């Protein structure tokens, strides 16, 4: 599998993530879609790093994974707060929490 194959796979993952982001109303589904998009970016970083003979892309991918983990923790905390306040994790209810 050459570089083009990896890039096409990453483009497909990113497209699925964008589709999920646009169509989902559930907060957990939106978070999964964002994770798909982040993983597509990481796949691009590692693929370019492998085919250009350096480790820089892999280091950036590791930092990106660490940042994504922190994002998931904050996102899950917000989902738990939304569920406690409204009993549902639909994003339409999140706008009602503004005061």
PDB file of N, CA and C in Angstrom:
ATOM      1  N   UNK A   1       0.865  -1.181   0.000  1.00  0.00           N
ATOM      2  CA  UNK A   1       0.000   0.000   0.000  1.00  0.00           C
ATOM      3  C   UNK A   1       0.902   1.231   0.000  1.00  0.00           C
ATOM      4  N   UNK A   2       0.734   2.040  -1.003  1.00  0.00           N
ATOM      5  CA  UNK A   2       1.557   3.229  -1.121  1.00  0.00           C
ATOM      6  C   UNK A   2       0.968   4.406  -0.367  1.00  0.00           C
ATOM      7  N   UNK A   3       1.606   5.538  -0.544  1.00  0.00           N
ATOM      8  CA  UNK A   3       1.177   6.757   0.137  1.00  0.00           C
ATOM      9  C   UNK A   3      -0.237   7.149  -0.273  1.00  0.00           C
ATOM     10  N   UNK A   4      -0.566   6.963  -1.533  1.00  0.00           N
ATOM     11  CA  UNK A   4      -1.898   7.318  -2.019  1.00  0.00           C
ATOM     12  C   UNK A   4      -2.974   6.501  -1.306  1.00  0.00           C
ATOM     13  N   UNK A   5      -2.714   5.238  -1.052  1.00  0.00           N
ATOM     14  CA  UNK A   5      -3.670   4.391  -0.340  1.00  0.00           C
ATOM     15  C   UNK A   5      -3.942   4.906   1.075  1.00  0.00           C
ATOM     16  N   UNK A   6      -2.870   5.274   1.773  1.00  0.00           N
ATOM     17  CA  UNK A   6      -3.045   5.820   3.121  1.00  0.00           C
ATOM     18  C   UNK A   6      -3.805   7.143   3.100  1.00  0.00           C
ATOM     19  N   UNK A   7      -3.497   7.960   2.131  1.00  0.00           N
ATOM     20  CA  UNK A   7      -4.187   9.256   2.032  1.00  0.00           C
ATOM     21  C   UNK A   7      -5.664   9.075   1.691  1.00  0.00           C
ATOM     22  N   UNK A   8      -5.970   8.104   0.844  1.00  0.00           N
ATOM     23  CA  UNK A   8      -7.377   7.833   0.530  1.00  0.00           C
ATOM     24  C   UNK A   8      -8.123   7.281   1.744  1.00  0.00           C
ATOM     25  N   UNK A   9      -7.465   6.415   2.505  1.00  0.00           N
ATOM     26  CA  UNK A   9      -8.072   5.905   3.730  1.00  0.00           C
ATOM     27  C   UNK A   9      -8.330   7.035   4.723  1.00  0.00           C
ATOM     28  N   UNK A  10      -7.362   7.923   4.878  1.00  0.00           N
ATOM     29  CA  UNK A  10      -7.523   9.057   5.787  1.00  0.00           C
ATOM     30  C   UNK A  10      -8.626   9.994   5.300  1.00  0.00           C
ATOM     31  N   UNK A  11      -8.722  10.196   3.996  1.00  0.00           N
ATOM     32  CA  UNK A  11      -9.785  11.049   3.458  1.00  0.00           C
ATOM     33  C   UNK A  11     -11.155  10.420   3.713  1.00  0.00           C
ATOM     34  N   UNK A  12     -11.243   9.102   3.580  1.00  0.00           N
ATOM     35  CA  UNK A  12     -12.500   8.419   3.876  1.00  0.00           C
ATOM     36  C   UNK A  12     -12.879   8.536   5.339  1.00  0.00           C
ATOM     37  N   UNK A  13     -11.905   8.344   6.241  1.00  0.00           N
ATOM     38  CA  UNK A  13     -12.171   8.504   7.674  1.00  0.00           C
ATOM     39  C   UNK A  13     -12.614   9.921   8.000  1.00  0.00           C
ATOM     40  N   UNK A  14     -11.920  10.897   7.422  1.00  0.00           N
ATOM     41  CA  UNK A  14     -12.270  12.290   7.685  1.00  0.00           C
ATOM     42  C   UNK A  14     -13.667  12.602   7.153  1.00  0.00           C
ATOM     43  N   UNK A  15     -13.995  12.069   5.992  1.00  0.00           N
ATOM     44  CA  UNK A  15     -15.332  12.293   5.428  1.00  0.00           C
ATOM     45  C   UNK A  15     -16.419  11.672   6.298  1.00  0.00           C
ATOM     46  N   UNK A  16     -16.172  10.469   6.810  1.00  0.00           N
ATOM     47  CA  UNK A  16     -17.126   9.858   7.731  1.00  0.00           C
ATOM     48  C   UNK A  16     -17.280  10.694   8.997  1.00  0.00           C
ATOM     49  N   UNK A  17     -16.183  11.253   9.473  1.00  0.00           N
ATOM     50  CA  UNK A  17     -16.246  12.105  10.651  1.00  0.00           C
ATOM     51  C   UNK A  17     -17.053  13.371  10.411  1.00  0.00           C
ATOM     52  N   UNK A  18     -16.857  13.989   9.264  1.00  0.00           N
ATOM     53  CA  UNK A  18     -17.627  15.199   8.939  1.00  0.00           C
ATOM     54  C   UNK A  18     -19.104  14.862   8.792  1.00  0.00           C
ATOM     55  N   UNK A  19     -19.400  13.742   8.150  1.00  0.00           N
ATOM     56  CA  UNK A  19     -20.791  13.313   8.005  1.00  0.00           C
ATOM     57  C   UNK A  19     -21.430  13.075   9.371  1.00  0.00           C
ATOM     58  N   UNK A  20     -20.710  12.406  10.253  1.00  0.00           N
ATOM     59  CA  UNK A  20     -21.229  12.167  11.602  1.00  0.00           C
ATOM     60  C   UNK A  20     -21.406  13.444  12.385  1.00  0.00           C
ATOM     61  N   UNK A  21     -20.496  14.390  12.197  1.00  0.00           N
ATOM     62  CA  UNK A  21     -20.594  15.667  12.899  1.00  0.00           C
ATOM     63  C   UNK A  21     -21.813  16.460  12.457  1.00  0.00           C
ATOM     64  N   UNK A  22     -22.129  16.383  11.179  1.00  0.00           N
ATOM     65  CA  UNK A  22     -23.256  17.148  10.646  1.00  0.00           C
ATOM     66  C   UNK A  22     -24.595  16.481  10.972  1.00  0.00           C
ATOM     67  N   UNK A  23     -24.636  15.162  11.001  1.00  0.00           N
ATOM     68  CA  UNK A  23     -25.927  14.476  11.122  1.00  0.00           C
ATOM     69  C   UNK A  23     -26.301  14.075  12.537  1.00  0.00           C
ATOM     70  N   UNK A  24     -25.382  13.984  13.457  1.00  0.00           N
ATOM     71  CA  UNK A  24     -25.689  13.503  14.807  1.00  0.00           C
ATOM     72  C   UNK A  24     -26.223  14.613  15.695  1.00  0.00           C
ATOM     73  N   UNK A  25     -27.202  14.266  16.523  1.00  0.00           N
ATOM     74  CA  UNK A  25     -27.724  15.197  17.516  1.00  0.00           C
ATOM     75  C   UNK A  25     -27.326  14.781  18.919  1.00  0.00           C
ATOM     76  N   UNK A  26     -26.805  13.556  19.047  1.00  0.00           N
ATOM     77  CA  UNK A  26     -26.373  13.034  20.324  1.00  0.00           C
ATOM     78  C   UNK A  26     -24.943  13.507  20.587  1.00  0.00           C
ATOM     79  N   UNK A  27     -24.662  13.958  21.809  1.00  0.00           N
ATOM     80  CA  UNK A  27     -23.341  14.492  22.131  1.00  0.00           C
ATOM     81  C   UNK A  27     -22.253  13.432  22.025  1.00  0.00           C
ATOM     82  N   UNK A  28     -22.559  12.202  22.398  1.00  0.00           N
ATOM     83  CA  UNK A  28     -21.565  11.137  22.315  1.00  0.00           C
ATOM     84  C   UNK A  28     -21.254  10.820  20.847  1.00  0.00           C
ATOM     85  N   UNK A  29     -22.262  10.812  19.993  1.00  0.00           N
ATOM     86  CA  UNK A  29     -22.044  10.591  18.561  1.00  0.00           C
ATOM     87  C   UNK A  29     -21.189  11.672  17.933  1.00  0.00           C
ATOM     88  N   UNK A  30     -21.387  12.908  18.363  1.00  0.00           N
ATOM     89  CA  UNK A  30     -20.576  14.017  17.854  1.00  0.00           C
ATOM     90  C   UNK A  30     -19.126  13.847  18.297  1.00  0.00           C
ATOM     91  N   UNK A  31     -18.920  13.410  19.546  1.00  0.00           N
ATOM     92  CA  UNK A  31     -17.557  13.197  20.025  1.00  0.00           C
ATOM     93  C   UNK A  31     -16.862  12.074  19.256  1.00  0.00           C
ATOM     94  N   UNK A  32     -17.591  11.026  18.919  1.00  0.00           N
ATOM     95  CA  UNK A  32     -17.014   9.938  18.129  1.00  0.00           C
ATOM     96  C   UNK A  32     -16.640  10.437  16.734  1.00  0.00           C
ATOM     97  N   UNK A  33     -17.474  11.289  16.158  1.00  0.00           N
ATOM     98  CA  UNK A  33     -17.172  11.840  14.832  1.00  0.00           C
ATOM     99  C   UNK A  33     -15.920  12.710  14.869  1.00  0.00           C
ATOM    100  N   UNK A  34     -15.765  13.496  15.911  1.00  0.00           N
ATOM    101  CA  UNK A  34     -14.560  14.323  16.052  1.00  0.00           C
ATOM    102  C   UNK A  34     -13.331  13.435  16.224  1.00  0.00           C
ATOM    103  N   UNK A  35     -13.470  12.336  16.939  1.00  0.00           N
ATOM    104  CA  UNK A  35     -12.361  11.391  17.103  1.00  0.00           C
ATOM    105  C   UNK A  35     -11.966  10.769  15.766  1.00  0.00           C
ATOM    106  N   UNK A  36     -12.944  10.439  14.932  1.00  0.00           N
ATOM    107  CA  UNK A  36     -12.631   9.911  13.605  1.00  0.00           C
ATOM    108  C   UNK A  36     -11.825  10.912  12.787  1.00  0.00           C
ATOM    109  N   UNK A  37     -12.212  12.178  12.866  1.00  0.00           N
ATOM    110  CA  UNK A  37     -11.492  13.205  12.124  1.00  0.00           C
ATOM    111  C   UNK A  37     -10.069  13.365  12.653  1.00  0.00           C
ATOM    112  N   UNK A  38      -9.898  13.319  13.972  1.00  0.00           N
ATOM    113  CA  UNK A  38      -8.559  13.428  14.557  1.00  0.00           C
ATOM    114  C   UNK A  38      -7.692  12.232  14.169  1.00  0.00           C
ATOM    115  N   UNK A  39      -8.285  11.047  14.136  1.00  0.00           N
ATOM    116  CA  UNK A  39      -7.519   9.865  13.738  1.00  0.00           C
ATOM    117  C   UNK A  39      -7.127   9.917  12.269  1.00  0.00           C
ATOM    118  N   UNK A  40      -7.956  10.521  11.435  1.00  0.00           N
ATOM    119  CA  UNK A  40      -7.588  10.688  10.026  1.00  0.00           C
ATOM    120  C   UNK A  40      -6.375  11.612   9.898  1.00  0.00           C
ATOM    121  N   UNK A  41      -6.346  12.656  10.683  1.00  0.00           N
ATOM    122  CA  UNK A  41      -5.193  13.570  10.667  1.00  0.00           C
ATOM    123  C   UNK A  41      -3.944  12.842  11.147  1.00  0.00           C
ATOM    124  N   UNK A  42      -4.078  12.047  12.212  1.00  0.00           N
ATOM    125  CA  UNK A  42      -2.926  11.290  12.716  1.00  0.00           C
ATOM    126  C   UNK A  42      -2.422  10.293  11.679  1.00  0.00           C
ATOM    127  N   UNK A  43      -3.337   9.672  10.959  1.00  0.00           N
ATOM    128  CA  UNK A  43      -2.931   8.740   9.904  1.00  0.00           C
ATOM    129  C   UNK A  43      -2.145   9.462   8.817  1.00  0.00           C
ATOM    130  N   UNK A  44      -2.570  10.665   8.461  1.00  0.00           N
ATOM    131  CA  UNK A  44      -1.816  11.451   7.472  1.00  0.00           C
ATOM    132  C   UNK A  44      -0.427  11.796   7.988  1.00  0.00           C
ATOM    133  N   UNK A  45      -0.329  12.189   9.251  1.00  0.00           N
ATOM    134  CA  UNK A  45       0.974  12.543   9.816  1.00  0.00           C
ATOM    135  C   UNK A  45       1.931  11.356   9.780  1.00  0.00           C
ATOM    136  N   UNK A  46       1.449  10.197  10.194  1.00  0.00           N
ATOM    137  CA  UNK A  46       2.301   9.007  10.227  1.00  0.00           C
ATOM    138  C   UNK A  46       2.640   8.544   8.816  1.00  0.00           C
ATOM    139  N   UNK A  47       1.699   8.624   7.899  1.00  0.00           N
ATOM    140  CA  UNK A  47       1.968   8.198   6.518  1.00  0.00           C
ATOM    141  C   UNK A  47       3.032   9.080   5.873  1.00  0.00           C
ATOM    142  N   UNK A  48       2.906  10.391   6.021  1.00  0.00           N
ATOM    143  CA  UNK A  48       3.920  11.280   5.441  1.00  0.00           C
ATOM    144  C   UNK A  48       5.265  11.077   6.124  1.00  0.00           C
ATOM    145  N   UNK A  49       5.252  10.835   7.418  1.00  0.00           N
ATOM    146  CA  UNK A  49       6.502  10.595   8.137  1.00  0.00           C
ATOM    147  C   UNK A  49       7.187   9.333   7.632  1.00  0.00           C
ATOM    148  N   UNK A  50       6.405   8.297   7.396  1.00  0.00           N
ATOM    149  CA  UNK A  50       6.975   7.028   6.938  1.00  0.00           C
ATOM    150  C   UNK A  50       7.546   7.141   5.531  1.00  0.00           C
ATOM    151  N   UNK A  51       6.833   7.826   4.658  1.00  0.00           N
ATOM    152  CA  UNK A  51       7.256   7.860   3.259  1.00  0.00           C
ATOM    153  C   UNK A  51       8.295   8.935   2.971  1.00  0.00           C
ATOM    154  N   UNK A  52       8.513   9.852   3.916  1.00  0.00           N
ATOM    155  CA  UNK A  52       9.557  10.859   3.711  1.00  0.00           C
ATOM    156  C   UNK A  52      10.768  10.595   4.585  1.00  0.00           C
ATOM    157  N   UNK A  53      10.754   9.522   5.367  1.00  0.00           N
ATOM    158  CA  UNK A  53      11.940   9.077   6.066  1.00  0.00           C
ATOM    159  C   UNK A  53      12.295   9.840   7.328  1.00  0.00           C
ATOM    160  N   UNK A  54      11.346  10.416   8.001  1.00  0.00           N
ATOM    161  CA  UNK A  54      11.646  11.111   9.249  1.00  0.00           C
ATOM    162  C   UNK A  54      10.716  10.664  10.360  1.00  0.00           C
ATOM    163  N   UNK A  55      11.001  11.118  11.544  1.00  0.00           N
ATOM    164  CA  UNK A  55      10.164  10.777  12.689  1.00  0.00           C
ATOM    165  C   UNK A  55       9.311  11.948  13.159  1.00  0.00           C
ATOM    166  N   UNK A  56       9.402  13.071  12.502  1.00  0.00           N
ATOM    167  CA  UNK A  56       8.695  14.264  12.946  1.00  0.00           C
ATOM    168  C   UNK A  56       7.188  14.069  12.933  1.00  0.00           C
ATOM    169  N   UNK A  57       6.666  13.458  11.915  1.00  0.00           N
ATOM    170  CA  UNK A  57       5.227  13.230  11.823  1.00  0.00           C
ATOM    171  C   UNK A  57       4.719  12.321  12.917  1.00  0.00           C
ATOM    172  N   UNK A  58       5.523  11.322  13.280  1.00  0.00           N
ATOM    173  CA  UNK A  58       5.119  10.419  14.350  1.00  0.00           C
ATOM    174  C   UNK A  58       5.118  11.129  15.697  1.00  0.00           C
ATOM    175  N   UNK A  59       6.064  12.013  15.910  1.00  0.00           N
ATOM    176  CA  UNK A  59       6.094  12.794  17.154  1.00  0.00           C
ATOM    177  C   UNK A  59       4.879  13.712  17.221  1.00  0.00           C
ATOM    178  N   UNK A  60       4.558  14.359  16.114  1.00  0.00           N
ATOM    179  CA  UNK A  60       3.358  15.207  16.085  1.00  0.00           C
ATOM    180  C   UNK A  60       2.093  14.392  16.321  1.00  0.00           C
ATOM    181  N   UNK A  61       2.046  13.178  15.790  1.00  0.00           N
ATOM    182  CA  UNK A  61       0.888  12.309  16.000  1.00  0.00           C
ATOM    183  C   UNK A  61       0.747  11.939  17.471  1.00  0.00           C
ATOM    184  N   UNK A  62       1.857  11.671  18.144  1.00  0.00           N
ATOM    185  CA  UNK A  62       1.796  11.370  19.581  1.00  0.00           C
ATOM    186  C   UNK A  62       1.284  12.564  20.383  1.00  0.00           C
ATOM    187  N   UNK A  63       1.762  13.761  20.059  1.00  0.00           N
ATOM    188  CA  UNK A  63       1.258  14.958  20.734  1.00  0.00           C
ATOM    189  C   UNK A  63      -0.222  15.173  20.437  1.00  0.00           C
ATOM    190  N   UNK A  64      -0.613  14.903  19.220  1.00  0.00           N
ATOM    191  CA  UNK A  64      -2.016  15.045  18.839  1.00  0.00           C
ATOM    192  C   UNK A  64      -2.894  14.056  19.600  1.00  0.00           C
ATOM    193  N   UNK A  65      -2.419  12.841  19.792  1.00  0.00           N
ATOM    194  CA  UNK A  65      -3.183  11.847  20.558  1.00  0.00           C
ATOM    195  C   UNK A  65      -3.324  12.300  22.005  1.00  0.00           C
ATOM    196  N   UNK A  66      -2.254  12.853  22.573  1.00  0.00           N
ATOM    197  CA  UNK A  66      -2.325  13.333  23.958  1.00  0.00           C
ATOM    198  C   UNK A  66      -3.330  14.481  24.098  1.00  0.00           C
ATOM    199  N   UNK A  67      -3.344  15.384  23.142  1.00  0.00           N
ATOM    200  CA  UNK A  67      -4.299  16.495  23.174  1.00  0.00           C
ATOM    201  C   UNK A  67      -5.720  15.978  22.993  1.00  0.00           C
ATOM    202  N   UNK A  68      -5.888  14.976  22.135  1.00  0.00           N
ATOM    203  CA  UNK A  68      -7.207  14.396  21.909  1.00  0.00           C
ATOM    204  C   UNK A  68      -7.737  13.712  23.162  1.00  0.00           C
ATOM    205  N   UNK A  69      -6.863  13.067  23.915  1.00  0.00           N
ATOM    206  CA  UNK A  69      -7.290  12.445  25.166  1.00  0.00           C
ATOM    207  C   UNK A  69      -7.796  13.496  26.142  1.00  0.00           C
ATOM    208  N   UNK A  70      -7.092  14.610  26.239  1.00  0.00           N
ATOM    209  CA  UNK A  70      -7.549  15.694  27.114  1.00  0.00           C
ATOM    210  C   UNK A  70      -8.893  16.249  26.636  1.00  0.00           C
ATOM    211  N   UNK A  71      -9.066  16.355  25.333  1.00  0.00           N
ATOM    212  CA  UNK A  71     -10.333  16.824  24.770  1.00  0.00           C
ATOM    213  C   UNK A  71     -11.479  15.879  25.115  1.00  0.00           C
ATOM    214  N   UNK A  72     -11.224  14.587  25.052  1.00  0.00           N
ATOM    215  CA  UNK A  72     -12.254  13.599  25.370  1.00  0.00           C
ATOM    216  C   UNK A  72     -12.649  13.696  26.838  1.00  0.00           C
ATOM    217  N   UNK A  73     -11.689  13.895  27.716  1.00  0.00           N
ATOM    218  CA  UNK A  73     -11.990  14.009  29.145  1.00  0.00           C
ATOM    219  C   UNK A  73     -12.893  15.209  29.404  1.00  0.00           C
ATOM    220  N   UNK A  74     -12.574  16.341  28.829  1.00  0.00           N
ATOM    221  CA  UNK A  74     -13.403  17.540  29.011  1.00  0.00           C
ATOM    222  C   UNK A  74     -14.773  17.332  28.368  1.00  0.00           C
ATOM    223  N   UNK A  75     -14.813  16.735  27.191  1.00  0.00           N
ATOM    224  CA  UNK A  75     -16.088  16.491  26.515  1.00  0.00           C
ATOM    225  C   UNK A  75     -16.984  15.546  27.295  1.00  0.00           C
ATOM    226  N   UNK A  76     -16.415  14.487  27.838  1.00  0.00           N
ATOM    227  CA  UNK A  76     -17.221  13.558  28.637  1.00  0.00           C
ATOM    228  C   UNK A  76     -17.721  14.215  29.918  1.00  0.00           C
ATOM    229  N   UNK A  77     -16.912  15.084  30.508  1.00  0.00           N
ATOM    230  CA  UNK A  77     -17.378  15.816  31.691  1.00  0.00           C
ATOM    231  C   UNK A  77     -18.573  16.699  31.339  1.00  0.00           C
ATOM    232  N   UNK A  78     -18.526  17.341  30.184  1.00  0.00           N
ATOM    233  CA  UNK A  78     -19.659  18.166  29.757  1.00  0.00           C
ATOM    234  C   UNK A  78     -20.889  17.315  29.468  1.00  0.00           C
ATOM    235  N   UNK A  79     -20.691  16.137  28.881  1.00  0.00           N
ATOM    236  CA  UNK A  79     -21.813  15.239  28.606  1.00  0.00           C
ATOM    237  C   UNK A  79     -22.450  14.776  29.917  1.00  0.00           C
ATOM    238  N   UNK A  80     -21.643  14.451  30.906  1.00  0.00           N
ATOM    239  CA  UNK A  80     -22.175  14.034  32.203  1.00  0.00           C
ATOM    240  C   UNK A  80     -22.955  15.165  32.856  1.00  0.00           C
ATOM    241  N   UNK A  81     -22.436  16.385  32.778  1.00  0.00           N
ATOM    242  CA  UNK A  81     -23.164  17.533  33.337  1.00  0.00           C
ATOM    243  C   UNK A  81     -24.479  17.772  32.610  1.00  0.00           C
ATOM    244  N   UNK A  82     -24.469  17.616  31.300  1.00  0.00           N
ATOM    245  CA  UNK A  82     -25.695  17.773  30.526  1.00  0.00           C
ATOM    246  C   UNK A  82     -26.711  16.705  30.903  1.00  0.00           C
ATOM    247  N   UNK A  83     -26.245  15.468  31.076  1.00  0.00           N
ATOM    248  CA  UNK A  83     -27.160  14.390  31.446  1.00  0.00           C
ATOM    249  C   UNK A  83     -27.736  14.595  32.839  1.00  0.00           C
ATOM    250  N   UNK A  84     -26.910  15.081  33.749  1.00  0.00           N
ATOM    251  CA  UNK A  84     -27.410  15.330  35.108  1.00  0.00           C
ATOM    252  C   UNK A  84     -28.428  16.468  35.128  1.00  0.00           C
ATOM    253  N   UNK A  85     -28.218  17.476  34.305  1.00  0.00           N
ATOM    254  CA  UNK A  85     -29.116  18.631  34.314  1.00  0.00           C
ATOM    255  C   UNK A  85     -30.422  18.352  33.574  1.00  0.00           C
ATOM    256  N   UNK A  86     -30.378  17.621  32.459  1.00  0.00           N
ATOM    257  CA  UNK A  86     -31.561  17.442  31.616  1.00  0.00           C
ATOM    258  C   UNK A  86     -32.035  16.005  31.479  1.00  0.00           C
ATOM    259  N   UNK A  87     -31.202  15.035  31.850  1.00  0.00           N
ATOM    260  CA  UNK A  87     -31.603  13.636  31.722  1.00  0.00           C
ATOM    261  C   UNK A  87     -31.456  13.081  30.322  1.00  0.00           C
ATOM    262  N   UNK A  88     -30.832  13.824  29.427  1.00  0.00           N
ATOM    263  CA  UNK A  88     -30.632  13.402  28.048  1.00  0.00           C
ATOM    264  C   UNK A  88     -29.356  14.052  27.543  1.00  0.00           C
ATOM    265  N   UNK A  89     -28.738  13.469  26.525  1.00  0.00           N
ATOM    266  CA  UNK A  89     -27.496  14.037  26.000  1.00  0.00           C
ATOM    267  C   UNK A  89     -27.681  14.601  24.597  1.00  0.00           C
ATOM    268  N   UNK A  90     -28.897  14.973  24.257  1.00  0.00           N
ATOM    269  CA  UNK A  90     -29.161  15.601  22.970  1.00  0.00           C
ATOM    270  C   UNK A  90     -28.605  17.021  22.976  1.00  0.00           C
ATOM    271  N   UNK A  91     -27.918  17.394  21.913  1.00  0.00           N
ATOM    272  CA  UNK A  91     -27.259  18.696  21.875  1.00  0.00           C
ATOM    273  C   UNK A  91     -28.248  19.856  21.799  1.00  0.00           C
ATOM    274  N   UNK A  92     -29.474  19.601  21.370  1.00  0.00           N
ATOM    275  CA  UNK A  92     -30.467  20.671  21.344  1.00  0.00           C
ATOM    276  C   UNK A  92     -30.775  21.169  22.754  1.00  0.00           C
ATOM    277  N   UNK A  93     -30.644  20.304  23.741  1.00  0.00           N
ATOM    278  CA  UNK A  93     -30.913  20.679  25.118  1.00  0.00           C
ATOM    279  C   UNK A  93     -29.776  21.489  25.721  1.00  0.00           C
ATOM    280  N   UNK A  94     -28.602  21.431  25.132  1.00  0.00           N
ATOM    281  CA  UNK A  94     -27.436  22.140  25.683  1.00  0.00           C
ATOM    282  C   UNK A  94     -27.627  23.650  25.595  1.00  0.00           C
ATOM    283  N   UNK A  95     -28.322  24.137  24.597  1.00  0.00           N
ATOM    284  CA  UNK A  95     -28.522  25.577  24.487  1.00  0.00           C
ATOM    285  C   UNK A  95     -29.470  26.110  25.563  1.00  0.00           C
ATOM    286  N   UNK A  96     -30.264  25.237  26.155  1.00  0.00           N
ATOM    287  CA  UNK A  96     -31.165  25.654  27.227  1.00  0.00           C
ATOM    288  C   UNK A  96     -30.428  25.859  28.544  1.00  0.00           C
ATOM    289  N   UNK A  97     -29.184  25.419  28.639  1.00  0.00           N
ATOM    290  CA  UNK A  97     -28.429  25.566  29.873  1.00  0.00           C
ATOM    291  C   UNK A  97     -27.858  26.967  30.040  1.00  0.00           C
ATOM    292  N   UNK A  98     -27.893  27.777  28.980  1.00  0.00           N
ATOM    293  CA  UNK A  98     -27.401  29.166  29.085  1.00  0.00           C
ATOM    294  C   UNK A  98     -28.329  29.959  29.983  1.00  0.00           C
ATOM    295  N   UNK A  99     -27.724  30.768  30.836  1.00  0.00           N
ATOM    296  CA  UNK A  99     -28.552  31.618  31.695  1.00  0.00           C
ATOM    297  C   UNK A  99     -28.009  33.014  31.732  1.00  0.00           C
TER     298      UNK A  99
END
